[in-house]
C-alpha cells in the first residue's frame, strides 16, 4: 500500500500562522486548515492515479511482448509446406477483454489436402501404372513388357511422344517377397522412408558395380515387403501396392493392369482426356461387370470363388471392373491406402480371392462413378488380317509373340497393328 506524501513547506507555514492568530481567529484558522488538508488529499489522489496508470501501461507492454513472442513461435514451429497442391491458410483470431482472457492472438493453421516440404517432395506423374507380377513365374513376361509397349514412354521426360500429349507416365512392376536383393534395395524395402532423390546414393553404398547395373536396369520394380505373389493373395498385393504408390508418389490417375495386357497409350490418354479423368474425383473406370456370379469350385471353371457368398451372403458380385485393366482416380486410391494401413485403430479391408471383385467390393459403399472404358479381356486390339486397330485402350491375354509383333509394327509403321489405320 502506498504511503501518504509528506507535507510541503507552504503547508507548514500556514499551520504556524494559524497558531499565532489567537483564540478569536481559531475558527477561521481551522477552516483554512481543513481547506489545505483537502487540497493535500486531492494532490495525493492525483499522484496515486498517475502511479496506477504507469503500472497499467507497464503491464500492457508486457502482455503485448508475450503475445508477439507466442505468435512468432507458432509461425516458426509451423511445418514447411513448400510445394503443395493447395495453399496453407493462416487464420488469426484476436482475443478481446470481453472474452475474459488476455488479449493474445491465437493462430490456427488450416492444412492443405496434400502437402510436401521441398526436401521430401513426391515425384509427380499424371498417370501411374502398376503391374502386379511374380518374380518367379513372370520374368519372361516382365522382359516382354519392357521391350514392347512401355518403350513408348520416354525415360527422360516420361512422355509418350507419339501420343501428342503432355501427360507424364510412370509404370512399375509390383513384386513381393520373392524379389531379388538388388530389386529390394532399389525399391525402398529396406528404407521405405527414403525419397527417390536419394535412391542412387543408397544403391552405390550397398551394391557392387555389377549388381548396381542390374539394379538400375530394374528401376521399374517395386518390391513389397511381407507380401506374397501367390494368385490367391493378389487382392492383398494390390491393396499394399496402392498404399505404397500413394505414400511415395503424387499422381492424378492410376491404372492397374497385367503383364499379358497391351496398353494402347495414345488411345488411353485420349480416352482419359475426353472423360476428364485427370481432373474428376471418385471415378472407377474399366471393363465394367454387373450381376456376375462367383464361379463355384465344383463347376471346373476358371478362378473359382467359394469365399464371397459365404462372407457376404450375396449370390452376385458387386459392380466391378475386370482385372485386366482398370482406372482409379487419386482420391479412391487414398481411401484404399488409408484402410490398407496396418493400424489396430482402423478397420481392415476384407480380402477376396478375386482382386478385381475385391476392389469393387471395397468401393461399394462409397459415392463414386463407374465409367465403362473400351477394354477387352481378350486380344481384340488389332483386327485380324487387316492391319487396322480397334478403338480399345487395352486388351488382354496377348501372347508374347503378338506383343513383339505389335512392337515391331510400332517401330516400322507407328501403328502396333500394322500398316492400316
Protein backbone atom coordinates (compact mmCIF):
# COMPACT_ATOMS: atom_id res chain seq x y z
CA UNK A 1 0.00 0.00 0.00
CA UNK A 2 1.32 3.46 -0.94
CA UNK A 3 2.28 5.83 1.98
CA UNK A 4 0.78 9.41 2.09
CA UNK A 5 3.02 12.17 0.78
CA UNK A 6 4.87 14.43 3.34
CA UNK A 7 3.64 18.00 3.90
CA UNK A 8 5.34 20.64 1.79
CA UNK A 9 6.87 23.91 3.11
CA UNK A 10 3.78 26.05 2.32
CA UNK A 11 1.51 23.89 4.38
CA UNK A 12 3.89 24.04 7.35
CA UNK A 13 3.97 27.93 7.29
CA UNK A 14 0.21 28.13 7.05
CA UNK A 15 -0.19 25.97 10.11
CA UNK A 16 2.30 28.13 12.10
CA UNK A 17 0.37 31.32 11.21
CA UNK A 18 -2.82 29.76 12.37
CA UNK A 19 -1.36 29.10 15.82
CA UNK A 20 -0.20 32.76 16.26
CA UNK A 21 -3.55 34.25 15.23
CA UNK A 22 -5.06 33.88 18.70
CA UNK A 23 -8.23 32.49 20.02
CA UNK A 24 -10.54 34.81 18.02
CA UNK A 25 -9.24 33.54 14.73
CA UNK A 26 -9.31 29.91 15.72
CA UNK A 27 -12.44 29.13 13.76
CA UNK A 28 -11.19 30.86 10.62
CA UNK A 29 -7.79 29.21 11.08
CA UNK A 30 -9.43 25.84 11.45
CA UNK A 31 -11.40 26.36 8.26
CA UNK A 32 -8.28 27.31 6.41
CA UNK A 33 -6.51 24.20 7.71
CA UNK A 34 -9.34 22.00 6.53
CA UNK A 35 -9.14 23.60 3.09
CA UNK A 36 -5.38 22.98 2.92
CA UNK A 37 -5.85 19.36 4.04
CA UNK A 38 -8.47 18.81 1.32
CA UNK A 39 -6.09 20.27 -1.23
CA UNK A 40 -3.33 17.99 0.04
CA UNK A 41 -5.57 14.91 -0.17
CA UNK A 42 -6.53 15.82 -3.76
CA UNK A 43 -2.85 16.04 -4.64
CA UNK A 44 -2.23 12.65 -3.13
CA UNK A 45 -5.11 11.14 -5.13
CA UNK A 46 -3.75 12.58 -8.37
CA UNK A 47 -0.30 11.14 -7.60
CA UNK A 48 -1.76 7.70 -6.85
CA UNK A 49 -3.79 7.73 -10.08
CA UNK A 50 -0.66 8.61 -12.01
CA UNK A 51 1.26 5.77 -10.39
CA UNK A 52 -1.55 3.24 -11.13
CA UNK A 53 -1.74 4.45 -14.74
CA UNK A 54 2.02 3.96 -15.13
CA UNK A 55 1.76 0.42 -13.73
CA UNK A 56 -1.11 -0.38 -16.12
CA UNK A 57 0.98 0.78 -19.08
CA UNK A 58 3.88 -1.45 -17.97
CA UNK A 59 1.57 -4.48 -17.64
CA UNK A 60 0.04 -3.89 -21.08
CA UNK A 61 3.51 -3.66 -22.64
CA UNK A 62 4.49 -6.98 -21.05
CA UNK A 63 1.30 -8.65 -22.35
CA UNK A 64 1.91 -7.30 -25.84
CA UNK A 65 5.52 -8.57 -25.87
CA UNK A 66 4.40 -12.00 -24.67
CA UNK A 67 1.69 -12.18 -27.36
CA UNK A 68 4.17 -11.19 -30.07
CA UNK A 69 6.59 -13.87 -28.88
CA UNK A 70 3.85 -16.53 -28.92
CA UNK A 71 2.83 -15.65 -32.48
CA UNK A 72 6.44 -15.75 -33.68
CA UNK A 73 6.98 -19.14 -32.05
CA UNK A 74 3.88 -20.58 -33.72
CA UNK A 75 4.97 -19.33 -37.11
CA UNK A 76 8.48 -20.80 -36.65
CA UNK A 77 7.11 -24.15 -35.48
CA UNK A 78 4.63 -24.43 -38.35
CA UNK A 79 5.53 -27.09 -40.98
CA UNK A 80 7.48 -26.00 -44.01
CA UNK A 81 4.87 -26.54 -46.66
CA UNK A 82 6.95 -25.84 -49.76
CA UNK A 83 5.29 -27.31 -52.86
CA UNK A 84 1.68 -28.01 -52.04
CA UNK A 85 -1.39 -28.65 -54.09
CA UNK A 86 -3.27 -26.06 -52.03
CA UNK A 87 -2.00 -23.04 -50.18
CA UNK A 88 -1.95 -23.05 -46.39
CA UNK A 89 -4.45 -20.62 -44.90
CA UNK A 90 -3.44 -18.77 -41.75
CA UNK A 91 -6.39 -17.64 -39.66
CA UNK A 92 -5.70 -15.18 -36.81
CA UNK A 93 -8.39 -14.79 -34.17
CA UNK A 94 -7.70 -11.89 -31.80
CA UNK A 95 -8.93 -12.33 -28.22
CA UNK A 96 -10.67 -9.41 -26.52
CA UNK A 97 -11.21 -8.32 -22.94
CA UNK A 98 -14.89 -9.23 -23.34
CA UNK A 99 -13.77 -12.85 -23.71
CA UNK A 100 -12.28 -12.71 -20.21
CA UNK A 101 -8.79 -13.68 -21.32
CA UNK A 102 -5.55 -11.91 -22.07
CA UNK A 103 -5.59 -10.13 -25.43
CA UNK A 104 -3.19 -12.62 -27.01
CA UNK A 105 -3.78 -13.61 -30.66
CA UNK A 106 -4.21 -17.32 -31.40
CA UNK A 107 -3.03 -18.74 -34.71
CA UNK A 108 -4.71 -21.72 -36.37
CA UNK A 109 -3.32 -23.39 -39.49
CA UNK A 110 -5.71 -24.95 -41.98
CA UNK A 111 -3.61 -27.62 -43.76
CA UNK A 112 -3.93 -28.31 -47.49
CA UNK A 113 -5.25 -31.63 -48.81
CA UNK A 114 -1.74 -32.69 -49.84
CA UNK A 115 1.47 -31.05 -48.67
CA UNK A 116 5.13 -31.80 -49.21
CA UNK A 117 8.18 -30.00 -47.97
CA UNK A 118 10.78 -29.15 -50.63
CA UNK A 119 13.18 -31.73 -49.19
CA UNK A 120 10.67 -34.60 -49.39
CA UNK A 121 8.52 -33.61 -52.38
CA UNK A 122 6.97 -36.65 -54.04
CA UNK A 123 7.76 -37.29 -57.70
CA UNK A 124 4.66 -36.45 -59.73
CA UNK A 125 3.21 -38.29 -62.74
CA UNK A 126 -0.18 -37.71 -64.31
CA UNK A 127 -0.70 -41.43 -64.96
CA UNK A 128 0.81 -44.11 -62.75
CA UNK A 129 0.65 -47.71 -63.99
CA UNK A 130 1.06 -50.65 -61.62
CA UNK A 131 1.59 -54.17 -62.97
CA UNK A 132 1.48 -56.93 -60.33
CA UNK A 133 3.86 -59.75 -61.24
CA UNK A 134 5.67 -62.71 -59.78
CA UNK A 135 9.43 -62.52 -59.70
CA UNK A 136 9.45 -66.27 -60.33
CA UNK A 137 6.91 -67.21 -62.99
CA UNK A 138 6.62 -63.84 -64.78
CA UNK A 139 10.26 -62.98 -65.58
CA UNK A 140 9.78 -63.54 -69.30
CA UNK A 141 6.58 -61.51 -69.31
CA UNK A 142 8.28 -58.67 -67.46
CA UNK A 143 11.05 -58.54 -70.06
CA UNK A 144 8.48 -58.66 -72.86
CA UNK A 145 6.61 -55.66 -71.48
CA UNK A 146 9.89 -53.75 -71.16
CA UNK A 147 10.66 -54.47 -74.81
CA UNK A 148 7.23 -53.60 -76.18
CA UNK A 149 4.55 -51.06 -75.26
CA UNK A 150 6.40 -49.33 -72.40
CA UNK A 151 9.12 -48.25 -74.85
CA UNK A 152 6.75 -45.56 -75.98
CA UNK A 153 7.39 -43.83 -72.64
CA UNK A 154 10.47 -41.64 -72.82
CA UNK A 155 12.65 -42.47 -69.81
CA UNK A 156 13.93 -38.92 -69.57
CA UNK A 157 10.69 -36.95 -69.94
CA UNK A 158 8.13 -39.65 -69.03
CA UNK A 159 6.11 -38.56 -72.04
CA UNK A 160 4.62 -40.67 -74.80
CA UNK A 161 5.95 -38.68 -77.75
CA UNK A 162 3.77 -40.45 -80.31
CA UNK A 163 0.66 -39.78 -78.23
CA UNK A 164 0.70 -36.00 -78.76
CA UNK A 165 0.04 -35.48 -75.07
CA UNK A 166 1.84 -33.60 -72.32
CA UNK A 167 0.71 -36.10 -69.68
CA UNK A 168 3.58 -37.78 -67.83
CA UNK A 169 3.51 -41.55 -67.31
CA UNK A 170 5.38 -43.88 -64.98
CA UNK A 171 4.98 -47.65 -64.70
CA UNK A 172 6.09 -50.15 -62.06
CA UNK A 173 6.08 -53.91 -61.79
CA UNK A 174 4.90 -54.96 -58.33
CA UNK A 175 6.87 -57.84 -56.82
CA UNK A 176 6.63 -59.43 -53.39
CA UNK A 177 8.95 -61.29 -51.08
CA UNK A 178 10.39 -63.28 -54.00
CA UNK A 179 12.16 -60.16 -55.35
CA UNK A 180 15.92 -60.34 -55.65
CA UNK A 181 18.22 -58.50 -53.25
CA UNK A 182 19.01 -55.83 -55.86
CA UNK A 183 15.32 -55.26 -56.56
CA UNK A 184 14.62 -54.89 -52.87
CA UNK A 185 17.39 -52.31 -52.47
CA UNK A 186 16.02 -50.46 -55.48
CA UNK A 187 12.52 -50.01 -54.17
CA UNK A 188 12.57 -48.80 -50.56
CA UNK A 189 12.11 -52.20 -48.93
CA UNK A 190 14.99 -51.60 -46.51
CA UNK A 191 14.48 -47.82 -46.40
CA UNK A 192 10.81 -47.20 -47.06
CA UNK A 193 11.00 -43.58 -45.99
CA UNK A 194 13.83 -42.73 -48.40
CA UNK A 195 12.84 -40.21 -51.09
CA UNK A 196 13.62 -41.21 -54.65
CA UNK A 197 16.21 -38.45 -54.99
CA UNK A 198 18.44 -40.36 -52.54
CA UNK A 199 17.92 -43.73 -54.19
CA UNK A 200 21.08 -43.83 -56.29
CA UNK A 201 23.27 -42.87 -53.33
CA UNK A 202 21.81 -45.79 -51.36
CA UNK A 203 22.42 -48.18 -54.25
CA UNK A 204 26.03 -47.04 -54.67
CA UNK A 205 26.70 -47.59 -50.98
CA UNK A 206 25.14 -51.04 -50.81
CA UNK A 207 25.92 -52.82 -54.08
CA UNK A 208 28.86 -53.67 -56.31
CA UNK A 209 29.26 -52.23 -59.81
CA UNK A 210 27.77 -55.32 -61.45
CA UNK A 211 24.76 -55.55 -59.16
CA UNK A 212 24.33 -51.75 -59.37
CA UNK A 213 23.95 -52.02 -63.14
CA UNK A 214 21.34 -54.73 -62.67
CA UNK A 215 19.52 -52.57 -60.16
CA UNK A 216 19.49 -49.59 -62.49
CA UNK A 217 18.08 -51.80 -65.27
CA UNK A 218 15.35 -52.90 -62.84
CA UNK A 219 14.42 -49.42 -61.71
CA UNK A 220 10.83 -50.11 -62.74
CA UNK A 221 10.42 -52.53 -59.81
CA UNK A 222 8.55 -52.00 -56.57
CA UNK A 223 9.35 -54.87 -54.21
CA UNK A 224 6.85 -55.01 -51.37
CA UNK A 225 7.98 -56.43 -48.05
CA UNK A 226 5.92 -59.07 -46.23
CA UNK A 227 3.85 -59.63 -49.37
CA UNK A 228 3.06 -62.86 -51.22
CA UNK A 229 2.84 -63.05 -55.02
CA UNK A 230 0.52 -66.06 -54.96
CA UNK A 231 -2.50 -65.50 -57.19
CA UNK A 232 -4.90 -66.20 -54.33
CA UNK A 233 -3.28 -63.27 -52.45
CA UNK A 234 -3.49 -60.82 -55.35
CA UNK A 235 -6.08 -58.60 -53.65
CA UNK A 236 -3.73 -58.11 -50.71
CA UNK A 237 -0.86 -57.32 -53.08
CA UNK A 238 -2.87 -54.71 -55.00
CA UNK A 239 -4.01 -53.16 -51.74
CA UNK A 240 -0.42 -52.84 -50.50
CA UNK A 241 0.78 -51.59 -53.88
CA UNK A 242 -1.83 -48.82 -53.88
CA UNK A 243 -0.78 -47.83 -50.39
CA UNK A 244 2.88 -47.78 -51.43
CA UNK A 245 2.48 -45.60 -54.53
CA UNK A 246 0.07 -43.30 -52.71
CA UNK A 247 2.67 -42.83 -49.99
CA UNK A 248 5.69 -42.30 -52.25
CA UNK A 249 4.27 -40.67 -55.41
CA UNK A 250 1.98 -37.89 -56.48
CA UNK A 251 -0.35 -38.79 -59.35
CA UNK A 252 -3.77 -37.97 -60.79
CA UNK A 253 -4.86 -41.31 -62.21
CA UNK A 254 -3.84 -44.90 -61.54
CA UNK A 255 -4.05 -47.81 -63.97
CA UNK A 256 -3.78 -51.36 -62.67
CA UNK A 257 -3.06 -53.87 -65.42
CA UNK A 258 -1.45 -57.27 -66.04
CA UNK A 259 1.79 -58.47 -67.63
CA UNK A 260 -0.19 -60.03 -70.52
CA UNK A 261 -2.12 -56.84 -71.31
CA UNK A 262 -1.23 -54.42 -74.11
CA UNK A 263 -1.80 -50.73 -73.43
CA UNK A 264 -2.60 -48.53 -76.44
CA UNK A 265 -1.17 -45.44 -74.76
CA UNK A 266 -2.35 -42.90 -77.32
CA UNK A 267 -5.94 -44.18 -77.16
CA UNK A 268 -5.82 -44.45 -73.37
CA UNK A 269 -4.66 -40.86 -72.90
CA UNK A 270 -7.25 -39.61 -75.40
CA UNK A 271 -9.99 -41.51 -73.55
CA UNK A 272 -8.87 -40.09 -70.19
CA UNK A 273 -8.84 -36.54 -71.58
CA UNK A 274 -12.23 -36.95 -73.26
CA UNK A 275 -13.75 -38.11 -69.98
CA UNK A 276 -11.81 -35.55 -67.89
CA UNK A 277 -10.39 -38.34 -65.73
CA UNK A 278 -7.29 -36.33 -64.83
CA UNK A 279 -9.48 -33.73 -63.13
CA UNK A 280 -12.53 -35.63 -61.91
CA UNK A 281 -12.81 -37.24 -58.50
CA UNK A 282 -14.20 -40.59 -57.38
CA UNK A 283 -14.14 -42.44 -60.70
CA UNK A 284 -13.60 -46.17 -61.24
CA UNK A 285 -13.31 -46.99 -64.95
CA UNK A 286 -12.78 -50.18 -66.93
CA UNK A 287 -14.49 -53.19 -68.43
CA UNK A 288 -17.48 -52.95 -66.10
CA UNK A 289 -19.21 -56.13 -64.93
CA UNK A 290 -22.65 -56.13 -63.30
CA UNK A 291 -24.52 -59.05 -61.80
CA UNK A 292 -21.64 -61.53 -62.22
CA UNK A 293 -21.79 -64.66 -60.07
CA UNK A 294 -18.90 -66.37 -58.28
CA UNK A 295 -17.57 -69.47 -60.02
CA UNK A 296 -18.20 -72.47 -57.81
CA UNK A 297 -15.25 -74.79 -57.16
CA UNK A 298 -17.15 -77.87 -58.32
CA UNK A 299 -18.03 -76.32 -61.67
CA UNK A 300 -14.50 -76.72 -63.01
CA UNK A 301 -14.47 -73.11 -64.19
CA UNK A 302 -11.53 -70.73 -64.03
CA UNK A 303 -10.91 -68.63 -60.91
CA UNK A 304 -13.30 -70.37 -58.51
CA UNK A 305 -14.55 -68.38 -55.51
CA UNK A 306 -16.21 -70.02 -52.54
CA UNK A 307 -15.42 -67.14 -50.18
CA UNK A 308 -17.56 -64.22 -51.39
CA UNK A 309 -21.03 -65.69 -50.91
CA UNK A 310 -20.08 -67.28 -47.60
CA UNK A 311 -18.67 -63.95 -46.35
CA UNK A 312 -21.41 -61.63 -47.59
CA UNK A 313 -24.47 -63.83 -48.09
CA UNK A 314 -24.87 -62.29 -51.57
CA UNK A 315 -25.29 -64.54 -54.64
CA UNK A 316 -23.83 -61.98 -57.06
CA UNK A 317 -20.74 -59.81 -57.05
CA UNK A 318 -20.94 -56.03 -56.63
CA UNK A 319 -20.29 -53.95 -59.73
CA UNK A 320 -16.59 -54.10 -60.58
CA UNK A 321 -14.13 -53.56 -63.44
CA UNK A 322 -12.31 -56.61 -64.82
CA UNK A 323 -8.76 -57.05 -63.56
CA UNK A 324 -7.06 -56.96 -66.95
CA UNK A 325 -7.09 -53.20 -66.51
CA UNK A 326 -8.99 -50.57 -64.54
CA UNK A 327 -8.54 -46.91 -63.67
CA UNK A 328 -8.87 -45.26 -60.27
CA UNK A 329 -8.76 -41.56 -59.52
CA UNK A 330 -6.36 -40.42 -56.82
CA UNK A 331 -8.93 -39.92 -54.06
CA UNK A 332 -10.20 -43.50 -54.40
CA UNK A 333 -6.60 -44.68 -54.08
CA UNK A 334 -6.28 -42.53 -50.95
CA UNK A 335 -9.29 -44.30 -49.45
CA UNK A 336 -7.91 -47.77 -50.18
CA UNK A 337 -4.48 -46.74 -48.89
CA UNK A 338 -5.97 -45.44 -45.64
CA UNK A 339 -7.73 -48.72 -44.88
CA UNK A 340 -4.72 -50.67 -46.11
CA UNK A 341 -2.65 -49.27 -43.26
CA UNK A 342 -1.69 -51.84 -40.67
CA UNK A 343 -3.22 -49.81 -37.85
CA UNK A 344 -5.01 -51.52 -34.99
CA UNK A 345 -7.21 -48.44 -34.59
CA UNK A 346 -8.58 -48.75 -38.15
CA UNK A 347 -10.78 -51.47 -39.63
CA UNK A 348 -9.18 -53.59 -42.33
CA UNK A 349 -10.34 -54.39 -45.84
CA UNK A 350 -11.82 -57.82 -46.49
CA UNK A 351 -9.62 -59.98 -48.71
CA UNK A 352 -11.32 -61.85 -51.56
CA UNK A 353 -9.87 -64.43 -53.97
CA UNK A 354 -10.62 -62.22 -56.99
CA UNK A 355 -8.67 -58.96 -56.84
CA UNK A 356 -10.88 -57.03 -59.27
CA UNK A 357 -14.01 -58.05 -57.35
CA UNK A 358 -12.29 -57.04 -54.11
CA UNK A 359 -11.68 -53.50 -55.40
CA UNK A 360 -15.35 -53.17 -56.42
CA UNK A 361 -16.34 -54.55 -53.02
CA UNK A 362 -14.13 -52.06 -51.17
CA UNK A 363 -15.63 -49.14 -53.09
CA UNK A 364 -19.23 -50.36 -52.95
CA UNK A 365 -20.28 -48.15 -50.03
CA UNK A 366 -18.62 -45.01 -51.42
CA UNK A 367 -20.18 -42.32 -53.54
CA UNK A 368 -18.31 -42.75 -56.82
CA UNK A 369 -18.90 -43.04 -60.54
CA UNK A 370 -18.35 -46.20 -62.55
CA UNK A 371 -17.34 -45.43 -66.13
CA UNK A 372 -17.24 -48.02 -68.88
CA UNK A 373 -13.90 -47.89 -70.72
CA UNK A 374 -13.15 -49.66 -74.04
CA UNK A 375 -11.08 -52.53 -72.63
CA UNK A 376 -11.24 -56.18 -73.61
CA UNK A 377 -10.30 -59.32 -71.64
CA UNK A 378 -9.23 -60.89 -74.96
CA UNK A 379 -6.60 -59.90 -77.54
CA UNK A 380 -9.01 -57.91 -79.69
CA UNK A 381 -7.00 -54.70 -80.11
CA UNK A 382 -5.98 -55.40 -83.72
CA UNK A 383 -8.36 -56.50 -86.45
CA UNK A 384 -7.00 -59.77 -87.74
CA UNK A 385 -5.61 -59.70 -91.25
CA UNK A 386 -6.34 -56.00 -91.87
CA UNK A 387 -3.61 -54.16 -90.01
CA UNK A 388 -6.27 -51.88 -88.58
CA UNK A 389 -6.81 -51.02 -84.94
CA UNK A 390 -9.95 -51.18 -82.93
CA UNK A 391 -10.86 -48.39 -80.51
CA UNK A 392 -9.71 -50.33 -77.47
CA UNK A 393 -7.44 -48.66 -74.94
CA UNK A 394 -6.30 -52.04 -73.60
CA UNK A 395 -6.63 -55.72 -74.44
CA UNK A 396 -5.67 -58.85 -72.55
CA UNK A 397 -4.31 -62.37 -72.95
CA UNK A 398 -1.96 -61.06 -75.60
CA UNK A 399 0.62 -63.78 -76.49
CA UNK A 400 4.28 -62.89 -76.20
CA UNK A 401 4.75 -63.34 -79.95
CA UNK A 402 1.89 -60.92 -80.64
CA UNK A 403 3.35 -58.34 -78.27
CA UNK A 404 6.66 -58.44 -80.14
CA UNK A 405 4.84 -58.20 -83.49
CA UNK A 406 2.99 -55.11 -82.30
CA UNK A 407 6.23 -53.55 -81.04
CA UNK A 408 7.84 -54.16 -84.44
CA UNK A 409 4.86 -52.56 -86.19
CA UNK A 410 5.18 -49.56 -83.90
CA UNK A 411 8.80 -49.07 -84.88
CA UNK A 412 8.18 -49.55 -88.61
CA UNK A 413 4.72 -48.02 -89.13
CA UNK A 414 3.90 -46.08 -85.98
CA UNK A 415 0.91 -48.41 -85.55
CA UNK A 416 1.01 -51.52 -83.36
CA UNK A 417 -1.41 -53.34 -85.66
CA UNK A 418 0.44 -52.82 -88.94
CA UNK A 419 0.20 -50.56 -91.96
CA UNK A 420 -3.50 -49.90 -91.56
CA UNK A 421 -5.07 -47.04 -89.67
